[in-house]
PDB file of N, CA and C in Angstrom:
ATOM      1  N   UNK A   1      41.039   4.226  98.149  1.00  0.00           N
ATOM      2  CA  UNK A   1      39.593   4.518  97.877  1.00  0.00           C
ATOM      3  C   UNK A   1      38.876   3.233  97.577  1.00  0.00           C
ATOM      4  N   UNK A   2      37.710   3.097  98.090  1.00  0.00           N
ATOM      5  CA  UNK A   2      36.919   1.805  97.941  1.00  0.00           C
ATOM      6  C   UNK A   2      36.701   1.549  96.388  1.00  0.00           C
ATOM      7  N   UNK A   3      36.787   0.303  96.058  1.00  0.00           N
ATOM      8  CA  UNK A   3      36.688  -0.094  94.632  1.00  0.00           C
ATOM      9  C   UNK A   3      35.627  -1.158  94.534  1.00  0.00           C
ATOM     10  N   UNK A   4      34.763  -1.003  93.531  1.00  0.00           N
ATOM     11  CA  UNK A   4      33.726  -2.043  93.212  1.00  0.00           C
ATOM     12  C   UNK A   4      34.243  -2.766  92.029  1.00  0.00           C
ATOM     13  N   UNK A   5      34.162  -4.049  92.027  1.00  0.00           N
ATOM     14  CA  UNK A   5      34.501  -4.907  90.877  1.00  0.00           C
ATOM     15  C   UNK A   5      33.281  -5.678  90.445  1.00  0.00           C
ATOM     16  N   UNK A   6      32.956  -5.524  89.141  1.00  0.00           N
ATOM     17  CA  UNK A   6      31.838  -6.207  88.537  1.00  0.00           C
ATOM     18  C   UNK A   6      32.286  -7.227  87.557  1.00  0.00           C
ATOM     19  N   UNK A   7      32.000  -8.481  87.801  1.00  0.00           N
ATOM     20  CA  UNK A   7      32.477  -9.540  86.920  1.00  0.00           C
ATOM     21  C   UNK A   7      31.238 -10.246  86.370  1.00  0.00           C
ATOM     22  N   UNK A   8      31.219 -10.334  85.036  1.00  0.00           N
ATOM     23  CA  UNK A   8      30.106 -11.025  84.360  1.00  0.00           C
ATOM     24  C   UNK A   8      30.590 -12.290  83.646  1.00  0.00           C
ATOM     25  N   UNK A   9      29.771 -13.310  83.744  1.00  0.00           N
ATOM     26  CA  UNK A   9      30.125 -14.618  83.105  1.00  0.00           C
ATOM     27  C   UNK A   9      28.841 -15.180  82.508  1.00  0.00           C
ATOM     28  N   UNK A  10      29.021 -15.782  81.317  1.00  0.00           N
ATOM     29  CA  UNK A  10      27.913 -16.477  80.673  1.00  0.00           C
ATOM     30  C   UNK A  10      28.291 -17.982  80.639  1.00  0.00           C
ATOM     31  N   UNK A  11      27.607 -18.763  81.463  1.00  0.00           N
ATOM     32  CA  UNK A  11      27.913 -20.169  81.575  1.00  0.00           C
ATOM     33  C   UNK A  11      27.235 -20.946  80.416  1.00  0.00           C
ATOM     34  N   UNK A  12      27.839 -21.980  79.955  1.00  0.00           N
ATOM     35  CA  UNK A  12      27.291 -22.860  78.978  1.00  0.00           C
ATOM     36  C   UNK A  12      26.065 -23.557  79.567  1.00  0.00           C
ATOM     37  N   UNK A  13      24.923 -23.531  78.773  1.00  0.00           N
ATOM     38  CA  UNK A  13      23.696 -24.106  79.285  1.00  0.00           C
ATOM     39  C   UNK A  13      23.916 -25.503  79.888  1.00  0.00           C
ATOM     40  N   UNK A  14      23.307 -25.710  81.043  1.00  0.00           N
ATOM     41  CA  UNK A  14      23.431 -27.004  81.729  1.00  0.00           C
ATOM     42  C   UNK A  14      24.636 -27.107  82.632  1.00  0.00           C
ATOM     43  N   UNK A  15      25.500 -26.101  82.644  1.00  0.00           N
ATOM     44  CA  UNK A  15      26.716 -26.179  83.509  1.00  0.00           C
ATOM     45  C   UNK A  15      26.635 -25.323  84.739  1.00  0.00           C
ATOM     46  N   UNK A  16      25.482 -24.793  85.026  1.00  0.00           N
ATOM     47  CA  UNK A  16      25.332 -23.958  86.183  1.00  0.00           C
ATOM     48  C   UNK A  16      25.712 -24.741  87.485  1.00  0.00           C
ATOM     49  N   UNK A  17      25.334 -25.947  87.501  1.00  0.00           N
ATOM     50  CA  UNK A  17      25.588 -26.750  88.769  1.00  0.00           C
ATOM     51  C   UNK A  17      27.073 -26.925  88.919  1.00  0.00           C
ATOM     52  N   UNK A  18      27.879 -26.809  87.932  1.00  0.00           N
ATOM     53  CA  UNK A  18      29.325 -26.958  88.056  1.00  0.00           C
ATOM     54  C   UNK A  18      29.942 -25.617  88.371  1.00  0.00           C
ATOM     55  N   UNK A  19      29.292 -24.524  87.913  1.00  0.00           N
ATOM     56  CA  UNK A  19      29.834 -23.197  88.157  1.00  0.00           C
ATOM     57  C   UNK A  19      29.656 -22.696  89.613  1.00  0.00           C
ATOM     58  N   UNK A  20      28.496 -22.935  90.178  1.00  0.00           N
ATOM     59  CA  UNK A  20      28.176 -22.367  91.502  1.00  0.00           C
ATOM     60  C   UNK A  20      29.199 -22.754  92.612  1.00  0.00           C
ATOM     61  N   UNK A  21      29.637 -24.048  92.690  1.00  0.00           N
ATOM     62  CA  UNK A  21      30.633 -24.349  93.734  1.00  0.00           C
ATOM     63  C   UNK A  21      31.959 -23.621  93.506  1.00  0.00           C
ATOM     64  N   UNK A  22      32.346 -23.390  92.265  1.00  0.00           N
ATOM     65  CA  UNK A  22      33.618 -22.615  91.956  1.00  0.00           C
ATOM     66  C   UNK A  22      33.505 -21.225  92.381  1.00  0.00           C
ATOM     67  N   UNK A  23      32.298 -20.582  92.109  1.00  0.00           N
ATOM     68  CA  UNK A  23      32.043 -19.244  92.555  1.00  0.00           C
ATOM     69  C   UNK A  23      32.075 -19.117  94.096  1.00  0.00           C
ATOM     70  N   UNK A  24      31.529 -20.095  94.780  1.00  0.00           N
ATOM     71  CA  UNK A  24      31.584 -20.127  96.196  1.00  0.00           C
ATOM     72  C   UNK A  24      32.975 -20.235  96.718  1.00  0.00           C
ATOM     73  N   UNK A  25      33.804 -21.112  96.053  1.00  0.00           N
ATOM     74  CA  UNK A  25      35.147 -21.266  96.444  1.00  0.00           C
ATOM     75  C   UNK A  25      35.937 -19.975  96.300  1.00  0.00           C
ATOM     76  N   UNK A  26      35.732 -19.232  95.161  1.00  0.00           N
ATOM     77  CA  UNK A  26      36.396 -17.970  94.976  1.00  0.00           C
ATOM     78  C   UNK A  26      36.002 -17.020  96.049  1.00  0.00           C
ATOM     79  N   UNK A  27      34.713 -16.913  96.344  1.00  0.00           N
ATOM     80  CA  UNK A  27      34.289 -15.969  97.408  1.00  0.00           C
ATOM     81  C   UNK A  27      34.869 -16.306  98.726  1.00  0.00           C
ATOM     82  N   UNK A  28      34.926 -17.596  99.093  1.00  0.00           N
ATOM     83  CA  UNK A  28      35.492 -17.954 100.365  1.00  0.00           C
ATOM     84  C   UNK A  28      36.964 -17.549 100.508  1.00  0.00           C
ATOM     85  N   UNK A  29      37.704 -17.789  99.440  1.00  0.00           N
ATOM     86  CA  UNK A  29      39.083 -17.425  99.418  1.00  0.00           C
ATOM     87  C   UNK A  29      39.300 -15.897  99.393  1.00  0.00           C
ATOM     88  N   UNK A  30      38.434 -15.204  98.693  1.00  0.00           N
ATOM     89  CA  UNK A  30      38.524 -13.758  98.579  1.00  0.00           C
ATOM     90  C   UNK A  30      38.322 -13.158  99.934  1.00  0.00           C
ATOM     91  N   UNK A  31      37.415 -13.696 100.692  1.00  0.00           N
ATOM     92  CA  UNK A  31      37.132 -13.131 102.065  1.00  0.00           C
ATOM     93  C   UNK A  31      38.345 -13.112 102.966  1.00  0.00           C
ATOM     94  N   UNK A  32      39.342 -13.972 102.662  1.00  0.00           N
ATOM     95  CA  UNK A  32      40.549 -13.970 103.480  1.00  0.00           C
ATOM     96  C   UNK A  32      41.664 -13.057 102.964  1.00  0.00           C
ATOM     97  N   UNK A  33      41.338 -12.381 101.865  1.00  0.00           N
ATOM     98  CA  UNK A  33      42.327 -11.497 101.251  1.00  0.00           C
ATOM     99  C   UNK A  33      42.353 -10.115 101.881  1.00  0.00           C
ATOM    100  N   UNK A  34      43.527  -9.538 101.876  1.00  0.00           N
ATOM    101  CA  UNK A  34      43.650  -8.113 102.350  1.00  0.00           C
ATOM    102  C   UNK A  34      42.758  -7.215 101.547  1.00  0.00           C
ATOM    103  N   UNK A  35      42.022  -6.368 102.180  1.00  0.00           N
ATOM    104  CA  UNK A  35      41.209  -5.364 101.495  1.00  0.00           C
ATOM    105  C   UNK A  35      39.840  -5.815 101.065  1.00  0.00           C
ATOM    106  N   UNK A  36      39.488  -7.099 101.183  1.00  0.00           N
ATOM    107  CA  UNK A  36      38.135  -7.538 100.796  1.00  0.00           C
ATOM    108  C   UNK A  36      37.100  -6.987 101.835  1.00  0.00           C
ATOM    109  N   UNK A  37      36.063  -6.412 101.262  1.00  0.00           N
ATOM    110  CA  UNK A  37      34.971  -5.869 102.167  1.00  0.00           C
ATOM    111  C   UNK A  37      33.706  -6.724 101.996  1.00  0.00           C
ATOM    112  N   UNK A  38      33.207  -6.937 100.824  1.00  0.00           N
ATOM    113  CA  UNK A  38      31.999  -7.669 100.617  1.00  0.00           C
ATOM    114  C   UNK A  38      31.864  -8.171  99.199  1.00  0.00           C
ATOM    115  N   UNK A  39      30.839  -9.026  98.991  1.00  0.00           N
ATOM    116  CA  UNK A  39      30.590  -9.496  97.627  1.00  0.00           C
ATOM    117  C   UNK A  39      29.205 -10.218  97.535  1.00  0.00           C
ATOM    118  N   UNK A  40      28.707 -10.213  96.345  1.00  0.00           N
ATOM    119  CA  UNK A  40      27.428 -10.909  96.118  1.00  0.00           C
ATOM    120  C   UNK A  40      27.445 -11.475  94.719  1.00  0.00           C
ATOM    121  N   UNK A  41      26.685 -12.525  94.534  1.00  0.00           N
ATOM    122  CA  UNK A  41      26.509 -13.204  93.245  1.00  0.00           C
ATOM    123  C   UNK A  41      25.078 -13.082  92.782  1.00  0.00           C
ATOM    124  N   UNK A  42      24.866 -12.601  91.568  1.00  0.00           N
ATOM    125  CA  UNK A  42      23.533 -12.454  90.967  1.00  0.00           C
ATOM    126  C   UNK A  42      23.381 -13.281  89.758  1.00  0.00           C
ATOM    127  N   UNK A  43      22.169 -13.839  89.576  1.00  0.00           N
ATOM    128  CA  UNK A  43      21.842 -14.619  88.406  1.00  0.00           C
ATOM    129  C   UNK A  43      20.864 -13.915  87.570  1.00  0.00           C
ATOM    130  N   UNK A  44      21.046 -13.837  86.224  1.00  0.00           N
ATOM    131  CA  UNK A  44      20.189 -13.111  85.377  1.00  0.00           C
ATOM    132  C   UNK A  44      18.734 -13.627  85.362  1.00  0.00           C
ATOM    133  N   UNK A  45      17.796 -12.683  85.299  1.00  0.00           N
ATOM    134  CA  UNK A  45      16.421 -13.113  85.245  1.00  0.00           C
ATOM    135  C   UNK A  45      16.017 -13.379  83.791  1.00  0.00           C
ATOM    136  N   UNK A  46      16.362 -12.496  82.874  1.00  0.00           N
ATOM    137  CA  UNK A  46      16.014 -12.765  81.481  1.00  0.00           C
ATOM    138  C   UNK A  46      16.962 -13.778  80.835  1.00  0.00           C
ATOM    139  N   UNK A  47      18.162 -13.963  81.396  1.00  0.00           N
ATOM    140  CA  UNK A  47      19.109 -14.908  80.929  1.00  0.00           C
ATOM    141  C   UNK A  47      19.738 -15.655  82.077  1.00  0.00           C
ATOM    142  N   UNK A  48      19.127 -16.738  82.500  1.00  0.00           N
ATOM    143  CA  UNK A  48      19.588 -17.463  83.727  1.00  0.00           C
ATOM    144  C   UNK A  48      20.986 -18.118  83.563  1.00  0.00           C
ATOM    145  N   UNK A  49      21.602 -18.054  82.344  1.00  0.00           N
ATOM    146  CA  UNK A  49      22.984 -18.488  82.193  1.00  0.00           C
ATOM    147  C   UNK A  49      23.972 -17.433  82.391  1.00  0.00           C
ATOM    148  N   UNK A  50      23.518 -16.223  82.707  1.00  0.00           N
ATOM    149  CA  UNK A  50      24.421 -15.069  82.989  1.00  0.00           C
ATOM    150  C   UNK A  50      24.495 -14.851  84.469  1.00  0.00           C
ATOM    151  N   UNK A  51      25.773 -14.728  84.920  1.00  0.00           N
ATOM    152  CA  UNK A  51      26.001 -14.494  86.328  1.00  0.00           C
ATOM    153  C   UNK A  51      26.855 -13.187  86.499  1.00  0.00           C
ATOM    154  N   UNK A  52      26.521 -12.427  87.498  1.00  0.00           N
ATOM    155  CA  UNK A  52      27.349 -11.258  87.836  1.00  0.00           C
ATOM    156  C   UNK A  52      27.813 -11.346  89.314  1.00  0.00           C
ATOM    157  N   UNK A  53      29.064 -11.084  89.488  1.00  0.00           N
ATOM    158  CA  UNK A  53      29.602 -10.981  90.864  1.00  0.00           C
ATOM    159  C   UNK A  53      30.014  -9.565  91.086  1.00  0.00           C
ATOM    160  N   UNK A  54      29.550  -8.945  92.182  1.00  0.00           N
ATOM    161  CA  UNK A  54      29.924  -7.617  92.552  1.00  0.00           C
ATOM    162  C   UNK A  54      30.676  -7.695  93.903  1.00  0.00           C
ATOM    163  N   UNK A  55      31.864  -7.241  93.943  1.00  0.00           N
ATOM    164  CA  UNK A  55      32.699  -7.248  95.133  1.00  0.00           C
ATOM    165  C   UNK A  55      33.160  -5.864  95.412  1.00  0.00           C
ATOM    166  N   UNK A  56      33.418  -5.599  96.721  1.00  0.00           N
ATOM    167  CA  UNK A  56      33.923  -4.340  97.140  1.00  0.00           C
ATOM    168  C   UNK A  56      35.272  -4.596  97.831  1.00  0.00           C
ATOM    169  N   UNK A  57      36.246  -3.754  97.495  1.00  0.00           N
ATOM    170  CA  UNK A  57      37.601  -3.822  97.972  1.00  0.00           C
ATOM    171  C   UNK A  57      38.003  -2.472  98.561  1.00  0.00           C
ATOM    172  N   UNK A  58      38.923  -2.522  99.490  1.00  0.00           N
ATOM    173  CA  UNK A  58      39.417  -1.215 100.041  1.00  0.00           C
ATOM    174  C   UNK A  58      40.117  -0.360  99.050  1.00  0.00           C
ATOM    175  N   UNK A  59      40.795  -0.938  98.035  1.00  0.00           N
ATOM    176  CA  UNK A  59      41.527  -0.241  97.074  1.00  0.00           C
ATOM    177  C   UNK A  59      41.629  -1.104  95.805  1.00  0.00           C
ATOM    178  N   UNK A  60      41.952  -0.385  94.682  1.00  0.00           N
ATOM    179  CA  UNK A  60      42.143  -1.118  93.435  1.00  0.00           C
ATOM    180  C   UNK A  60      43.382  -2.014  93.511  1.00  0.00           C
ATOM    181  N   UNK A  61      44.362  -1.595  94.341  1.00  0.00           N
ATOM    182  CA  UNK A  61      45.572  -2.396  94.522  1.00  0.00           C
ATOM    183  C   UNK A  61      45.240  -3.712  95.219  1.00  0.00           C
ATOM    184  N   UNK A  62      44.345  -3.653  96.208  1.00  0.00           N
ATOM    185  CA  UNK A  62      43.918  -4.859  96.877  1.00  0.00           C
ATOM    186  C   UNK A  62      43.196  -5.813  95.887  1.00  0.00           C
ATOM    187  N   UNK A  63      42.356  -5.300  95.069  1.00  0.00           N
ATOM    188  CA  UNK A  63      41.698  -6.100  94.013  1.00  0.00           C
ATOM    189  C   UNK A  63      42.734  -6.714  93.090  1.00  0.00           C
ATOM    190  N   UNK A  64      43.634  -5.922  92.579  1.00  0.00           N
ATOM    191  CA  UNK A  64      44.603  -6.400  91.627  1.00  0.00           C
ATOM    192  C   UNK A  64      45.461  -7.534  92.195  1.00  0.00           C
ATOM    193  N   UNK A  65      45.800  -7.395  93.503  1.00  0.00           N
ATOM    194  CA  UNK A  65      46.546  -8.479  94.186  1.00  0.00           C
ATOM    195  C   UNK A  65      45.794  -9.752  94.173  1.00  0.00           C
ATOM    196  N   UNK A  66      44.528  -9.693  94.444  1.00  0.00           N
ATOM    197  CA  UNK A  66      43.657 -10.924  94.393  1.00  0.00           C
ATOM    198  C   UNK A  66      43.503 -11.401  92.953  1.00  0.00           C
ATOM    199  N   UNK A  67      43.325 -10.487  92.013  1.00  0.00           N
ATOM    200  CA  UNK A  67      43.108 -10.873  90.634  1.00  0.00           C
ATOM    201  C   UNK A  67      44.349 -11.655  90.129  1.00  0.00           C
ATOM    202  N   UNK A  68      45.547 -11.232  90.580  1.00  0.00           N
ATOM    203  CA  UNK A  68      46.781 -11.889  90.129  1.00  0.00           C
ATOM    204  C   UNK A  68      47.148 -13.050  91.021  1.00  0.00           C
ATOM    205  N   UNK A  69      46.485 -13.400  92.062  1.00  0.00           N
ATOM    206  CA  UNK A  69      46.780 -14.441  92.974  1.00  0.00           C
ATOM    207  C   UNK A  69      46.709 -15.790  92.190  1.00  0.00           C
ATOM    208  N   UNK A  70      47.791 -16.588  92.311  1.00  0.00           N
ATOM    209  CA  UNK A  70      47.807 -17.918  91.587  1.00  0.00           C
ATOM    210  C   UNK A  70      46.658 -18.843  91.950  1.00  0.00           C
ATOM    211  N   UNK A  71      46.235 -18.795  93.265  1.00  0.00           N
ATOM    212  CA  UNK A  71      45.091 -19.637  93.635  1.00  0.00           C
ATOM    213  C   UNK A  71      43.802 -19.179  92.916  1.00  0.00           C
ATOM    214  N   UNK A  72      43.618 -17.906  92.850  1.00  0.00           N
ATOM    215  CA  UNK A  72      42.494 -17.392  92.146  1.00  0.00           C
ATOM    216  C   UNK A  72      42.505 -17.759  90.617  1.00  0.00           C
ATOM    217  N   UNK A  73      43.714 -17.539  90.028  1.00  0.00           N
ATOM    218  CA  UNK A  73      43.887 -17.873  88.573  1.00  0.00           C
ATOM    219  C   UNK A  73      43.526 -19.348  88.348  1.00  0.00           C
ATOM    220  N   UNK A  74      43.916 -20.231  89.241  1.00  0.00           N
ATOM    221  CA  UNK A  74      43.595 -21.631  88.999  1.00  0.00           C
ATOM    222  C   UNK A  74      42.120 -21.906  89.004  1.00  0.00           C
ATOM    223  N   UNK A  75      41.417 -21.317  89.955  1.00  0.00           N
ATOM    224  CA  UNK A  75      39.966 -21.504  89.950  1.00  0.00           C
ATOM    225  C   UNK A  75      39.299 -20.822  88.786  1.00  0.00           C
ATOM    226  N   UNK A  76      39.765 -19.661  88.399  1.00  0.00           N
ATOM    227  CA  UNK A  76      39.297 -18.937  87.198  1.00  0.00           C
ATOM    228  C   UNK A  76      39.430 -19.853  85.999  1.00  0.00           C
ATOM    229  N   UNK A  77      40.537 -20.501  85.913  1.00  0.00           N
ATOM    230  CA  UNK A  77      40.757 -21.449  84.726  1.00  0.00           C
ATOM    231  C   UNK A  77      39.700 -22.537  84.670  1.00  0.00           C
ATOM    232  N   UNK A  78      39.259 -23.029  85.782  1.00  0.00           N
ATOM    233  CA  UNK A  78      38.235 -24.046  85.869  1.00  0.00           C
ATOM    234  C   UNK A  78      36.883 -23.433  85.457  1.00  0.00           C
ATOM    235  N   UNK A  79      36.662 -22.201  85.889  1.00  0.00           N
ATOM    236  CA  UNK A  79      35.437 -21.493  85.572  1.00  0.00           C
ATOM    237  C   UNK A  79      35.411 -21.234  83.984  1.00  0.00           C
ATOM    238  N   UNK A  80      36.522 -20.769  83.478  1.00  0.00           N
ATOM    239  CA  UNK A  80      36.520 -20.500  82.040  1.00  0.00           C
ATOM    240  C   UNK A  80      36.206 -21.642  81.194  1.00  0.00           C
ATOM    241  N   UNK A  81      36.496 -22.849  81.630  1.00  0.00           N
ATOM    242  CA  UNK A  81      36.166 -24.085  80.924  1.00  0.00           C
ATOM    243  C   UNK A  81      34.678 -24.326  80.841  1.00  0.00           C
ATOM    244  N   UNK A  82      33.912 -23.652  81.627  1.00  0.00           N
ATOM    245  CA  UNK A  82      32.448 -23.849  81.671  1.00  0.00           C
ATOM    246  C   UNK A  82      31.698 -22.733  80.928  1.00  0.00           C
ATOM    247  N   UNK A  83      32.391 -21.820  80.490  1.00  0.00           N
ATOM    248  CA  UNK A  83      31.774 -20.614  79.926  1.00  0.00           C
ATOM    249  C   UNK A  83      31.547 -20.572  78.415  1.00  0.00           C
ATOM    250  N   UNK A  84      30.475 -19.925  77.899  1.00  0.00           N
ATOM    251  CA  UNK A  84      30.280 -19.683  76.514  1.00  0.00           C
ATOM    252  C   UNK A  84      31.126 -18.513  76.033  1.00  0.00           C
ATOM    253  N   UNK A  85      31.274 -17.530  76.930  1.00  0.00           N
ATOM    254  CA  UNK A  85      32.025 -16.305  76.563  1.00  0.00           C
ATOM    255  C   UNK A  85      33.020 -15.992  77.644  1.00  0.00           C
ATOM    256  N   UNK A  86      34.077 -15.191  77.272  1.00  0.00           N
ATOM    257  CA  UNK A  86      35.087 -14.871  78.174  1.00  0.00           C
ATOM    258  C   UNK A  86      34.550 -14.033  79.375  1.00  0.00           C
ATOM    259  N   UNK A  87      35.154 -14.314  80.563  1.00  0.00           N
ATOM    260  CA  UNK A  87      34.848 -13.571  81.745  1.00  0.00           C
ATOM    261  C   UNK A  87      35.195 -12.127  81.554  1.00  0.00           C
ATOM    262  N   UNK A  88      34.300 -11.208  81.943  1.00  0.00           N
ATOM    263  CA  UNK A  88      34.625  -9.779  81.855  1.00  0.00           C
ATOM    264  C   UNK A  88      34.638  -9.251  83.301  1.00  0.00           C
ATOM    265  N   UNK A  89      35.785  -8.621  83.637  1.00  0.00           N
ATOM    266  CA  UNK A  89      35.941  -8.034  84.976  1.00  0.00           C
ATOM    267  C   UNK A  89      36.305  -6.574  84.825  1.00  0.00           C
ATOM    268  N   UNK A  90      35.505  -5.689  85.489  1.00  0.00           N
ATOM    269  CA  UNK A  90      35.819  -4.250  85.451  1.00  0.00           C
ATOM    270  C   UNK A  90      35.735  -3.726  86.848  1.00  0.00           C
ATOM    271  N   UNK A  91      36.736  -2.786  87.138  1.00  0.00           N
ATOM    272  CA  UNK A  91      36.815  -2.204  88.449  1.00  0.00           C
ATOM    273  C   UNK A  91      36.331  -0.724  88.353  1.00  0.00           C
ATOM    274  N   UNK A  92      35.681  -0.246  89.410  1.00  0.00           N
ATOM    275  CA  UNK A  92      35.153   1.081  89.430  1.00  0.00           C
ATOM    276  C   UNK A  92      35.462   1.751  90.756  1.00  0.00           C
ATOM    277  N   UNK A  93      35.708   3.028  90.778  1.00  0.00           N
ATOM    278  CA  UNK A  93      35.879   3.762  91.981  1.00  0.00           C
ATOM    279  C   UNK A  93      34.553   4.510  92.330  1.00  0.00           C
ATOM    280  N   UNK A  94      34.272   4.635  93.596  1.00  0.00           N
ATOM    281  CA  UNK A  94      33.093   5.372  93.970  1.00  0.00           C
ATOM    282  C   UNK A  94      33.262   6.824  93.520  1.00  0.00           C
ATOM    283  N   UNK A  95      32.234   7.399  92.895  1.00  0.00           N
ATOM    284  CA  UNK A  95      32.327   8.734  92.388  1.00  0.00           C
ATOM    285  C   UNK A  95      31.480   9.602  93.092  1.00  0.00           C
TER     286      UNK A  95
END
């Protein structure tokens, strides 16, 4: 069943220019993963340091395989170094 994953991140002020290439790298690599359907990155209007990534996967198992991928974890580690708050990732099924 199709799964939507919503990831929110709050980047440290002034580090957006460092975050965006990493998010693009993650998206590029995700596109090559089994079960990836689509994704988009949104930037907060009231809080421009907040970013949300919404991706769609064929199944929660496909998402979890990507979430646990060592290549993804390495990039996520670089992202975490730029953030004020911990990354929050939540998966949802279409209801």
